[in-house]
Amino acid sequence: MFEDRRKRICMFCKDQDSTISYLSPKFLRRYISDRGKIIPRRYTGVCAKHQRKVSRAIKIAREMSLLPYVGRAPR
């Protein structure tokens, strides 16, 4: 029944050269919704280990004012 689905591979596990850093807010915006929430790993396809690193980097970037805490408010 579920045999047709392919297992997602974490892009960080696949590409060992990519690093997760709070100093790259443009890269981290991919993991934040338009409302400013961190997107869960079931949507991004990142493994649990790297999702923890991504969320920690987002939180540090928010503290340093590199990323916003909230997205743009709808008008």
N, C-alpha and C. Protein backbone atom coordinates (compact mmCIF):
# COMPACT_ATOMS: atom_id res chain seq x y z
N MET A 1 0.81 -1.19 0.00
CA MET A 1 0.00 0.00 0.00
C MET A 1 0.86 1.26 0.00
N PHE A 2 1.83 1.31 0.90
CA PHE A 2 2.70 2.47 0.98
C PHE A 2 4.03 2.23 0.29
N GLU A 3 4.13 1.20 -0.51
CA GLU A 3 5.39 0.85 -1.13
C GLU A 3 5.76 1.79 -2.27
N ASP A 4 4.80 2.55 -2.79
CA ASP A 4 5.07 3.44 -3.91
C ASP A 4 5.81 4.70 -3.49
N ARG A 5 5.69 5.06 -2.23
CA ARG A 5 6.35 6.29 -1.76
C ARG A 5 7.85 6.08 -1.67
N ARG A 6 8.55 7.10 -2.12
CA ARG A 6 10.00 7.06 -1.96
C ARG A 6 10.36 7.75 -0.65
N LYS A 7 11.36 7.24 0.01
CA LYS A 7 11.81 7.85 1.25
C LYS A 7 12.56 9.13 0.94
N ARG A 8 12.19 10.19 1.63
CA ARG A 8 12.88 11.46 1.45
C ARG A 8 14.27 11.38 2.06
N ILE A 9 15.20 11.99 1.41
CA ILE A 9 16.57 12.02 1.92
C ILE A 9 16.87 13.44 2.35
N CYS A 10 17.40 13.58 3.53
CA CYS A 10 17.75 14.89 4.08
C CYS A 10 18.82 15.53 3.19
N MET A 11 18.60 16.80 2.81
CA MET A 11 19.57 17.45 1.93
C MET A 11 20.89 17.73 2.63
N PHE A 12 20.88 17.84 3.94
CA PHE A 12 22.12 18.06 4.68
C PHE A 12 22.92 16.77 4.81
N CYS A 13 22.21 15.64 4.93
CA CYS A 13 22.90 14.35 4.98
C CYS A 13 23.46 13.99 3.62
N LYS A 14 22.73 14.35 2.57
CA LYS A 14 23.16 14.04 1.20
C LYS A 14 24.35 14.89 0.79
N ASP A 15 24.30 16.17 1.10
CA ASP A 15 25.36 17.10 0.73
C ASP A 15 26.15 17.47 1.98
N GLN A 16 27.27 16.83 2.17
CA GLN A 16 28.06 17.03 3.38
C GLN A 16 28.70 18.42 3.44
N ASP A 17 28.79 19.11 2.30
CA ASP A 17 29.43 20.43 2.27
C ASP A 17 28.55 21.54 2.82
N SER A 18 27.24 21.35 2.80
CA SER A 18 26.34 22.40 3.27
C SER A 18 26.37 22.46 4.80
N THR A 19 26.49 23.67 5.31
CA THR A 19 26.53 23.88 6.75
C THR A 19 25.33 24.72 7.17
N ILE A 20 24.90 24.50 8.39
CA ILE A 20 23.78 25.26 8.95
C ILE A 20 24.37 26.30 9.88
N SER A 21 24.18 27.56 9.53
CA SER A 21 24.75 28.63 10.33
C SER A 21 23.73 29.75 10.49
N TYR A 22 23.75 30.39 11.64
CA TYR A 22 22.84 31.51 11.88
C TYR A 22 23.27 32.74 11.10
N LEU A 23 24.45 32.74 10.53
CA LEU A 23 24.96 33.88 9.79
C LEU A 23 24.46 33.94 8.35
N SER A 24 23.63 32.98 7.96
CA SER A 24 23.08 32.98 6.60
C SER A 24 21.55 33.07 6.66
N PRO A 25 21.01 34.25 6.94
CA PRO A 25 19.56 34.38 7.08
C PRO A 25 18.79 34.12 5.79
N LYS A 26 19.41 34.38 4.64
CA LYS A 26 18.74 34.12 3.37
C LYS A 26 18.47 32.63 3.20
N PHE A 27 19.40 31.82 3.63
CA PHE A 27 19.25 30.36 3.57
C PHE A 27 18.21 29.88 4.59
N LEU A 28 18.20 30.47 5.78
CA LEU A 28 17.29 30.04 6.83
C LEU A 28 15.84 30.46 6.58
N ARG A 29 15.62 31.46 5.74
CA ARG A 29 14.25 31.87 5.42
C ARG A 29 13.47 30.77 4.73
N ARG A 30 14.16 29.83 4.11
CA ARG A 30 13.50 28.70 3.46
C ARG A 30 12.76 27.84 4.48
N TYR A 31 13.19 27.87 5.73
CA TYR A 31 12.62 27.04 6.78
C TYR A 31 11.69 27.81 7.71
N ILE A 32 11.28 29.01 7.28
CA ILE A 32 10.35 29.84 8.06
C ILE A 32 9.15 30.14 7.19
N SER A 33 7.94 30.04 7.75
CA SER A 33 6.73 30.34 6.99
C SER A 33 6.59 31.86 6.84
N ASP A 34 5.61 32.27 6.04
CA ASP A 34 5.40 33.71 5.85
C ASP A 34 4.90 34.38 7.12
N ARG A 35 4.38 33.61 8.06
CA ARG A 35 3.95 34.14 9.35
C ARG A 35 5.08 34.19 10.37
N GLY A 36 6.23 33.61 10.04
CA GLY A 36 7.38 33.65 10.93
C GLY A 36 7.57 32.40 11.74
N LYS A 37 6.77 31.35 11.49
CA LYS A 37 6.90 30.10 12.24
C LYS A 37 7.93 29.19 11.58
N ILE A 38 8.59 28.38 12.39
CA ILE A 38 9.53 27.40 11.87
C ILE A 38 8.74 26.25 11.26
N ILE A 39 9.05 25.91 10.02
CA ILE A 39 8.33 24.86 9.31
C ILE A 39 8.78 23.50 9.83
N PRO A 40 7.85 22.59 10.15
CA PRO A 40 8.22 21.28 10.70
C PRO A 40 8.94 20.40 9.67
N ARG A 41 9.63 19.42 10.17
CA ARG A 41 10.47 18.60 9.30
C ARG A 41 9.69 17.68 8.39
N ARG A 42 8.45 17.39 8.71
CA ARG A 42 7.66 16.55 7.81
C ARG A 42 7.35 17.26 6.50
N TYR A 43 7.42 18.60 6.49
CA TYR A 43 7.22 19.36 5.25
C TYR A 43 8.54 19.66 4.55
N THR A 44 9.59 19.89 5.31
CA THR A 44 10.86 20.25 4.69
C THR A 44 11.67 19.04 4.25
N GLY A 45 11.43 17.88 4.87
CA GLY A 45 12.18 16.68 4.49
C GLY A 45 13.55 16.60 5.12
N VAL A 46 13.77 17.33 6.18
CA VAL A 46 15.06 17.32 6.87
C VAL A 46 14.99 16.29 8.00
N CYS A 47 16.10 15.60 8.25
CA CYS A 47 16.11 14.61 9.33
C CYS A 47 16.05 15.32 10.69
N ALA A 48 15.78 14.56 11.73
CA ALA A 48 15.58 15.12 13.07
C ALA A 48 16.84 15.83 13.58
N LYS A 49 17.97 15.24 13.33
CA LYS A 49 19.24 15.82 13.79
C LYS A 49 19.46 17.21 13.18
N HIS A 50 19.25 17.31 11.87
CA HIS A 50 19.49 18.58 11.20
C HIS A 50 18.35 19.58 11.43
N GLN A 51 17.14 19.08 11.68
CA GLN A 51 16.04 19.99 12.01
C GLN A 51 16.32 20.71 13.33
N ARG A 52 16.90 20.00 14.28
CA ARG A 52 17.27 20.65 15.55
C ARG A 52 18.31 21.73 15.32
N LYS A 53 19.27 21.47 14.44
CA LYS A 53 20.30 22.47 14.14
C LYS A 53 19.71 23.67 13.41
N VAL A 54 18.78 23.41 12.49
CA VAL A 54 18.13 24.49 11.74
C VAL A 54 17.32 25.37 12.69
N SER A 55 16.53 24.75 13.56
CA SER A 55 15.70 25.55 14.46
C SER A 55 16.56 26.32 15.46
N ARG A 56 17.66 25.74 15.90
CA ARG A 56 18.56 26.47 16.81
C ARG A 56 19.20 27.65 16.09
N ALA A 57 19.59 27.47 14.83
CA ALA A 57 20.19 28.56 14.06
C ALA A 57 19.17 29.67 13.81
N ILE A 58 17.93 29.31 13.58
CA ILE A 58 16.87 30.31 13.37
C ILE A 58 16.66 31.11 14.65
N LYS A 59 16.64 30.44 15.79
CA LYS A 59 16.42 31.13 17.06
C LYS A 59 17.58 32.07 17.39
N ILE A 60 18.80 31.66 17.10
CA ILE A 60 19.96 32.53 17.33
C ILE A 60 19.92 33.73 16.39
N ALA A 61 19.56 33.49 15.11
CA ALA A 61 19.47 34.58 14.14
C ALA A 61 18.38 35.57 14.53
N ARG A 62 17.30 35.09 15.14
CA ARG A 62 16.25 35.99 15.62
C ARG A 62 16.76 36.85 16.76
N GLU A 63 17.51 36.26 17.66
CA GLU A 63 18.07 37.01 18.80
C GLU A 63 19.02 38.10 18.32
N MET A 64 19.75 37.81 17.25
CA MET A 64 20.72 38.78 16.73
C MET A 64 20.09 39.74 15.73
N SER A 65 18.77 39.68 15.57
CA SER A 65 18.00 40.54 14.66
C SER A 65 18.37 40.33 13.20
N LEU A 66 18.79 39.14 12.84
CA LEU A 66 19.04 38.82 11.44
C LEU A 66 17.77 38.30 10.77
N LEU A 67 16.87 37.72 11.58
CA LEU A 67 15.57 37.23 11.10
C LEU A 67 14.48 37.81 11.99
N PRO A 68 13.30 38.04 11.42
CA PRO A 68 12.21 38.56 12.24
C PRO A 68 11.55 37.46 13.07
N TYR A 69 10.98 37.84 14.20
CA TYR A 69 10.21 36.90 15.01
C TYR A 69 8.87 36.61 14.37
N VAL A 70 8.27 37.61 13.76
CA VAL A 70 6.98 37.44 13.09
C VAL A 70 7.12 37.90 11.64
N GLY A 71 6.28 37.33 10.78
CA GLY A 71 6.27 37.72 9.38
C GLY A 71 5.51 39.02 9.21
N ARG A 72 5.23 39.35 7.99
CA ARG A 72 4.45 40.56 7.72
C ARG A 72 3.00 40.33 8.08
N ALA A 73 2.40 41.29 8.71
CA ALA A 73 0.99 41.19 9.11
C ALA A 73 0.11 41.42 7.88
N PRO A 74 -0.93 40.60 7.71
CA PRO A 74 -1.82 40.82 6.57
C PRO A 74 -2.66 42.07 6.76
N ARG A 75 -2.96 42.75 5.68
CA ARG A 75 -3.75 43.99 5.78
C ARG A 75 -5.14 43.76 5.33
